[in-house]
C-alpha atoms as a PDB file:
ATOM      1  CA  UNK A   1       0.000   0.000   0.000  1.00  0.00           C
ATOM      2  CA  UNK A   2       1.265   3.467  -0.871  1.00  0.00           C
ATOM      3  CA  UNK A   3       1.146   6.614   1.189  1.00  0.00           C
ATOM      4  CA  UNK A   4      -2.152   7.895   2.548  1.00  0.00           C
ATOM      5  CA  UNK A   5      -3.770  10.717   0.621  1.00  0.00           C
ATOM      6  CA  UNK A   6      -2.329  14.192   1.208  1.00  0.00           C
ATOM      7  CA  UNK A   7      -5.073  15.250   3.598  1.00  0.00           C
ATOM      8  CA  UNK A   8      -4.226  12.266   5.848  1.00  0.00           C
ATOM      9  CA  UNK A   9      -0.458  12.819   5.925  1.00  0.00           C
ATOM     10  CA  UNK A  10      -0.470  15.548   8.537  1.00  0.00           C
ATOM     11  CA  UNK A  11       1.260  17.861   6.084  1.00  0.00           C
ATOM     12  CA  UNK A  12       0.704  21.593   6.180  1.00  0.00           C
ATOM     13  CA  UNK A  13       1.593  23.055   2.798  1.00  0.00           C
ATOM     14  CA  UNK A  14       3.988  25.866   3.627  1.00  0.00           C
ATOM     15  CA  UNK A  15       2.775  29.415   3.170  1.00  0.00           C
ATOM     16  CA  UNK A  16      -0.857  28.500   2.551  1.00  0.00           C
ATOM     17  CA  UNK A  17      -3.569  29.756   4.918  1.00  0.00           C
ATOM     18  CA  UNK A  18      -5.309  27.101   7.034  1.00  0.00           C
ATOM     19  CA  UNK A  19      -8.626  27.677   5.253  1.00  0.00           C
ATOM     20  CA  UNK A  20      -6.964  26.871   1.916  1.00  0.00           C
ATOM     21  CA  UNK A  21      -5.083  23.737   3.004  1.00  0.00           C
ATOM     22  CA  UNK A  22      -7.870  21.446   1.685  1.00  0.00           C
ATOM     23  CA  UNK A  23      -7.504  23.052  -1.752  1.00  0.00           C
ATOM     24  CA  UNK A  24      -3.723  22.591  -1.699  1.00  0.00           C
ATOM     25  CA  UNK A  25      -4.131  18.965  -0.614  1.00  0.00           C
ATOM     26  CA  UNK A  26      -6.615  18.282  -3.428  1.00  0.00           C
ATOM     27  CA  UNK A  27      -4.280  19.824  -6.019  1.00  0.00           C
ATOM     28  CA  UNK A  28      -1.239  17.921  -4.778  1.00  0.00           C
ATOM     29  CA  UNK A  29      -3.164  14.648  -4.539  1.00  0.00           C
ATOM     30  CA  UNK A  30      -4.446  15.108  -8.069  1.00  0.00           C
ATOM     31  CA  UNK A  31      -0.958  15.742  -9.398  1.00  0.00           C
ATOM     32  CA  UNK A  32       0.451  12.712  -7.594  1.00  0.00           C
ATOM     33  CA  UNK A  33      -2.334  10.445  -8.877  1.00  0.00           C
ATOM     34  CA  UNK A  34      -2.057  11.744 -12.437  1.00  0.00           C
ATOM     35  CA  UNK A  35       1.688  11.261 -12.569  1.00  0.00           C
ATOM     36  CA  UNK A  36       1.192   7.710 -11.312  1.00  0.00           C
ATOM     37  CA  UNK A  37      -1.263   6.718 -14.026  1.00  0.00           C
ATOM     38  CA  UNK A  38      -0.917   9.023 -17.039  1.00  0.00           C
ATOM     39  CA  UNK A  39       2.857   9.005 -17.473  1.00  0.00           C
ATOM     40  CA  UNK A  40       2.803   5.485 -18.885  1.00  0.00           C
ATOM     41  CA  UNK A  41      -0.065   6.016 -21.344  1.00  0.00           C
ATOM     42  CA  UNK A  42       0.761   6.054 -25.045  1.00  0.00           C
ATOM     43  CA  UNK A  43      -0.589   8.821 -27.259  1.00  0.00           C
ATOM     44  CA  UNK A  44      -3.204   6.384 -28.619  1.00  0.00           C
ATOM     45  CA  UNK A  45      -4.268   5.403 -25.094  1.00  0.00           C
ATOM     46  CA  UNK A  46      -4.438   9.046 -23.988  1.00  0.00           C
ATOM     47  CA  UNK A  47      -6.784  10.014 -26.786  1.00  0.00           C
ATOM     48  CA  UNK A  48      -8.904   6.838 -26.958  1.00  0.00           C
ATOM     49  CA  UNK A  49     -12.598   7.418 -26.318  1.00  0.00           C
ATOM     50  CA  UNK A  50     -13.963   4.123 -24.978  1.00  0.00           C
ATOM     51  CA  UNK A  51     -17.675   3.899 -25.626  1.00  0.00           C
ATOM     52  CA  UNK A  52     -17.636   7.518 -26.808  1.00  0.00           C
ATOM     53  CA  UNK A  53     -16.507   8.825 -23.391  1.00  0.00           C
ATOM     54  CA  UNK A  54     -14.128  11.738 -23.141  1.00  0.00           C
ATOM     55  CA  UNK A  55     -10.470  10.750 -23.461  1.00  0.00           C
ATOM     56  CA  UNK A  56      -7.903  10.817 -20.662  1.00  0.00           C
ATOM     57  CA  UNK A  57      -6.019  13.402 -22.728  1.00  0.00           C
ATOM     58  CA  UNK A  58      -9.067  15.670 -22.746  1.00  0.00           C
ATOM     59  CA  UNK A  59      -9.442  15.330 -18.967  1.00  0.00           C
ATOM     60  CA  UNK A  60      -5.772  16.255 -18.448  1.00  0.00           C
ATOM     61  CA  UNK A  61      -6.025  19.309 -20.696  1.00  0.00           C
ATOM     62  CA  UNK A  62      -9.384  20.323 -19.254  1.00  0.00           C
ATOM     63  CA  UNK A  63      -8.166  19.913 -15.675  1.00  0.00           C
ATOM     64  CA  UNK A  64      -5.218  22.242 -16.310  1.00  0.00           C
ATOM     65  CA  UNK A  65      -7.265  24.715 -18.331  1.00  0.00           C
ATOM     66  CA  UNK A  66     -10.069  24.849 -15.784  1.00  0.00           C
ATOM     67  CA  UNK A  67      -7.618  25.302 -12.938  1.00  0.00           C
ATOM     68  CA  UNK A  68      -6.084  28.216 -14.816  1.00  0.00           C
ATOM     69  CA  UNK A  69      -9.504  29.755 -15.533  1.00  0.00           C
ATOM     70  CA  UNK A  70     -10.813  29.317 -11.982  1.00  0.00           C
ATOM     71  CA  UNK A  71      -7.725  30.901 -10.447  1.00  0.00           C
ATOM     72  CA  UNK A  72      -7.997  33.763 -12.939  1.00  0.00           C
ATOM     73  CA  UNK A  73     -11.551  34.440 -11.787  1.00  0.00           C
ATOM     74  CA  UNK A  74     -10.479  34.102  -8.130  1.00  0.00           C
ATOM     75  CA  UNK A  75      -7.972  36.925  -8.713  1.00  0.00           C
ATOM     76  CA  UNK A  76     -10.831  39.019 -10.092  1.00  0.00           C
ATOM     77  CA  UNK A  77      -9.424  38.966 -13.622  1.00  0.00           C
ATOM     78  CA  UNK A  78     -11.137  38.247 -16.928  1.00  0.00           C
ATOM     79  CA  UNK A  79     -10.010  35.417 -19.177  1.00  0.00           C
ATOM     80  CA  UNK A  80      -7.471  36.271 -21.841  1.00  0.00           C
ATOM     81  CA  UNK A  81      -7.899  35.493 -25.520  1.00  0.00           C
ATOM     82  CA  UNK A  82      -5.282  32.739 -25.113  1.00  0.00           C
ATOM     83  CA  UNK A  83      -7.298  31.099 -22.317  1.00  0.00           C
ATOM     84  CA  UNK A  84     -10.456  31.186 -24.410  1.00  0.00           C
ATOM     85  CA  UNK A  85      -8.602  29.740 -27.419  1.00  0.00           C
ATOM     86  CA  UNK A  86      -7.154  26.952 -25.241  1.00  0.00           C
ATOM     87  CA  UNK A  87     -10.650  26.108 -23.981  1.00  0.00           C
ATOM     88  CA  UNK A  88     -11.823  25.606 -27.555  1.00  0.00           C
ATOM     89  CA  UNK A  89      -9.066  23.070 -28.284  1.00  0.00           C
ATOM     90  CA  UNK A  90      -9.198  20.923 -25.133  1.00  0.00           C
ATOM     91  CA  UNK A  91     -10.701  17.957 -26.982  1.00  0.00           C
ATOM     92  CA  UNK A  92      -8.300  17.972 -29.939  1.00  0.00           C
ATOM     93  CA  UNK A  93      -6.023  14.917 -29.773  1.00  0.00           C
ATOM     94  CA  UNK A  94      -2.286  15.203 -30.140  1.00  0.00           C
ATOM     95  CA  UNK A  95      -0.116  15.830 -27.101  1.00  0.00           C
ATOM     96  CA  UNK A  96       1.618  12.952 -25.365  1.00  0.00           C
ATOM     97  CA  UNK A  97       1.780  12.244 -21.640  1.00  0.00           C
ATOM     98  CA  UNK A  98       4.988  14.217 -21.049  1.00  0.00           C
ATOM     99  CA  UNK A  99       3.556  17.431 -22.516  1.00  0.00           C
ATOM    100  CA  UNK A 100       0.153  17.043 -20.859  1.00  0.00           C
ATOM    101  CA  UNK A 101       1.627  16.289 -17.445  1.00  0.00           C
ATOM    102  CA  UNK A 102       4.082  19.183 -17.764  1.00  0.00           C
ATOM    103  CA  UNK A 103       1.093  21.467 -18.403  1.00  0.00           C
ATOM    104  CA  UNK A 104      -0.759  20.067 -15.373  1.00  0.00           C
ATOM    105  CA  UNK A 105       2.368  20.437 -13.182  1.00  0.00           C
ATOM    106  CA  UNK A 106       2.955  24.046 -14.241  1.00  0.00           C
ATOM    107  CA  UNK A 107      -0.686  24.998 -13.760  1.00  0.00           C
ATOM    108  CA  UNK A 108      -0.775  23.307 -10.353  1.00  0.00           C
ATOM    109  CA  UNK A 109       2.373  25.149  -9.246  1.00  0.00           C
ATOM    110  CA  UNK A 110       0.893  28.482 -10.341  1.00  0.00           C
ATOM    111  CA  UNK A 111      -2.312  27.666  -8.443  1.00  0.00           C
ATOM    112  CA  UNK A 112      -0.318  26.788  -5.298  1.00  0.00           C
ATOM    113  CA  UNK A 113       1.575  30.076  -5.628  1.00  0.00           C
ATOM    114  CA  UNK A 114      -1.756  31.873  -5.874  1.00  0.00           C
ATOM    115  CA  UNK A 115      -3.022  30.076  -2.753  1.00  0.00           C
ATOM    116  CA  UNK A 116       0.114  31.275  -0.928  1.00  0.00           C
ATOM    117  CA  UNK A 117      -0.598  34.829  -2.056  1.00  0.00           C
ATOM    118  CA  UNK A 118      -4.289  34.737  -1.078  1.00  0.00           C
ATOM    119  CA  UNK A 119      -4.940  36.383   2.286  1.00  0.00           C
ATOM    120  CA  UNK A 120      -7.411  34.471   4.413  1.00  0.00           C
ATOM    121  CA  UNK A 121      -9.426  37.640   5.002  1.00  0.00           C
ATOM    122  CA  UNK A 122     -10.091  37.923   1.239  1.00  0.00           C
ATOM    123  CA  UNK A 123     -11.833  34.551   0.897  1.00  0.00           C
ATOM    124  CA  UNK A 124     -15.373  35.904   1.075  1.00  0.00           C
ATOM    125  CA  UNK A 125     -14.801  38.717  -1.396  1.00  0.00           C
ATOM    126  CA  UNK A 126     -17.230  38.498  -4.314  1.00  0.00           C
ATOM    127  CA  UNK A 127     -16.003  37.287  -7.676  1.00  0.00           C
ATOM    128  CA  UNK A 128     -17.752  36.646 -10.968  1.00  0.00           C
ATOM    129  CA  UNK A 129     -17.493  33.791 -13.433  1.00  0.00           C
ATOM    130  CA  UNK A 130     -17.654  34.059 -17.207  1.00  0.00           C
ATOM    131  CA  UNK A 131     -19.362  36.447 -19.538  1.00  0.00           C
ATOM    132  CA  UNK A 132     -22.626  35.943 -17.651  1.00  0.00           C
ATOM    133  CA  UNK A 133     -20.800  37.132 -14.498  1.00  0.00           C
ATOM    134  CA  UNK A 134     -22.251  34.394 -12.331  1.00  0.00           C
ATOM    135  CA  UNK A 135     -21.709  35.189  -8.655  1.00  0.00           C
ATOM    136  CA  UNK A 136     -19.115  33.409  -6.550  1.00  0.00           C
ATOM    137  CA  UNK A 137     -16.366  34.311  -4.100  1.00  0.00           C
ATOM    138  CA  UNK A 138     -12.621  33.811  -3.826  1.00  0.00           C
ATOM    139  CA  UNK A 139     -13.310  30.870  -1.479  1.00  0.00           C
ATOM    140  CA  UNK A 140     -15.929  29.346  -3.786  1.00  0.00           C
ATOM    141  CA  UNK A 141     -13.674  29.513  -6.820  1.00  0.00           C
ATOM    142  CA  UNK A 142     -10.625  28.118  -5.062  1.00  0.00           C
ATOM    143  CA  UNK A 143     -12.539  25.301  -3.388  1.00  0.00           C
ATOM    144  CA  UNK A 144     -14.151  24.440  -6.703  1.00  0.00           C
ATOM    145  CA  UNK A 145     -10.681  24.406  -8.289  1.00  0.00           C
ATOM    146  CA  UNK A 146      -9.649  21.681  -5.851  1.00  0.00           C
ATOM    147  CA  UNK A 147     -12.892  19.741  -6.263  1.00  0.00           C
ATOM    148  CA  UNK A 148     -12.810  20.014 -10.043  1.00  0.00           C
ATOM    149  CA  UNK A 149      -9.204  18.818 -10.115  1.00  0.00           C
ATOM    150  CA  UNK A 150     -10.189  15.790  -8.020  1.00  0.00           C
ATOM    151  CA  UNK A 151     -13.135  14.996 -10.257  1.00  0.00           C
ATOM    152  CA  UNK A 152     -11.120  15.016 -13.477  1.00  0.00           C
ATOM    153  CA  UNK A 153      -8.225  13.162 -11.865  1.00  0.00           C
ATOM    154  CA  UNK A 154     -10.657  10.347 -11.097  1.00  0.00           C
ATOM    155  CA  UNK A 155     -11.867  10.400 -14.674  1.00  0.00           C
ATOM    156  CA  UNK A 156      -8.304  10.092 -15.992  1.00  0.00           C
ATOM    157  CA  UNK A 157      -7.646   7.142 -13.674  1.00  0.00           C
ATOM    158  CA  UNK A 158     -10.882   5.391 -14.645  1.00  0.00           C
ATOM    159  CA  UNK A 159     -10.521   6.048 -18.378  1.00  0.00           C
ATOM    160  CA  UNK A 160      -6.929   4.780 -18.321  1.00  0.00           C
ATOM    161  CA  UNK A 161      -8.062   1.536 -16.633  1.00  0.00           C
ATOM    162  CA  UNK A 162     -10.841   1.056 -19.194  1.00  0.00           C
ATOM    163  CA  UNK A 163      -8.560   1.757 -22.161  1.00  0.00           C
ATOM    164  CA  UNK A 164      -5.926  -0.628 -20.858  1.00  0.00           C
ATOM    165  CA  UNK A 165      -8.564  -3.242 -20.032  1.00  0.00           C
ATOM    166  CA  UNK A 166     -10.046  -3.082 -23.531  1.00  0.00           C
ATOM    167  CA  UNK A 167      -6.560  -3.532 -24.970  1.00  0.00           C
ATOM    168  CA  UNK A 168      -6.020  -6.600 -22.799  1.00  0.00           C
ATOM    169  CA  UNK A 169      -3.420  -4.875 -20.631  1.00  0.00           C
END
């Protein structure tokens, strides 16, 4: 059996406010799980769509892109043209595991840096999401970033198992 999940390791992620530790733990757990399963997937396995489901490659790209977008909104910023363009190409096959995981790692590190820079007394400040300016808060966006990362990490793990199982591996 491997290590317990991050939240059960008794680790405080340095420089991150107590209220944001669960977000940091979710991000670090997601990264650890993804590196354990996705690194060994071939390009064909990454972009396979078993039964028409979304590919593991899509989930990796979407996880990183969503994390970037959610942290942008948490800062009170609008999405850039580059972020919007990246959103439109999340499902396009191509990148291999090394490139996708590098993107997830970099996005996770930027998110952790943002958590370190987020004062605890700012967590209930209002923020808005998307063109419709749906209401949220710094806390809501950051907690959703952790939850969303966990959700798509699970989808990568499950899709990888299905793809490998269908291939007889």
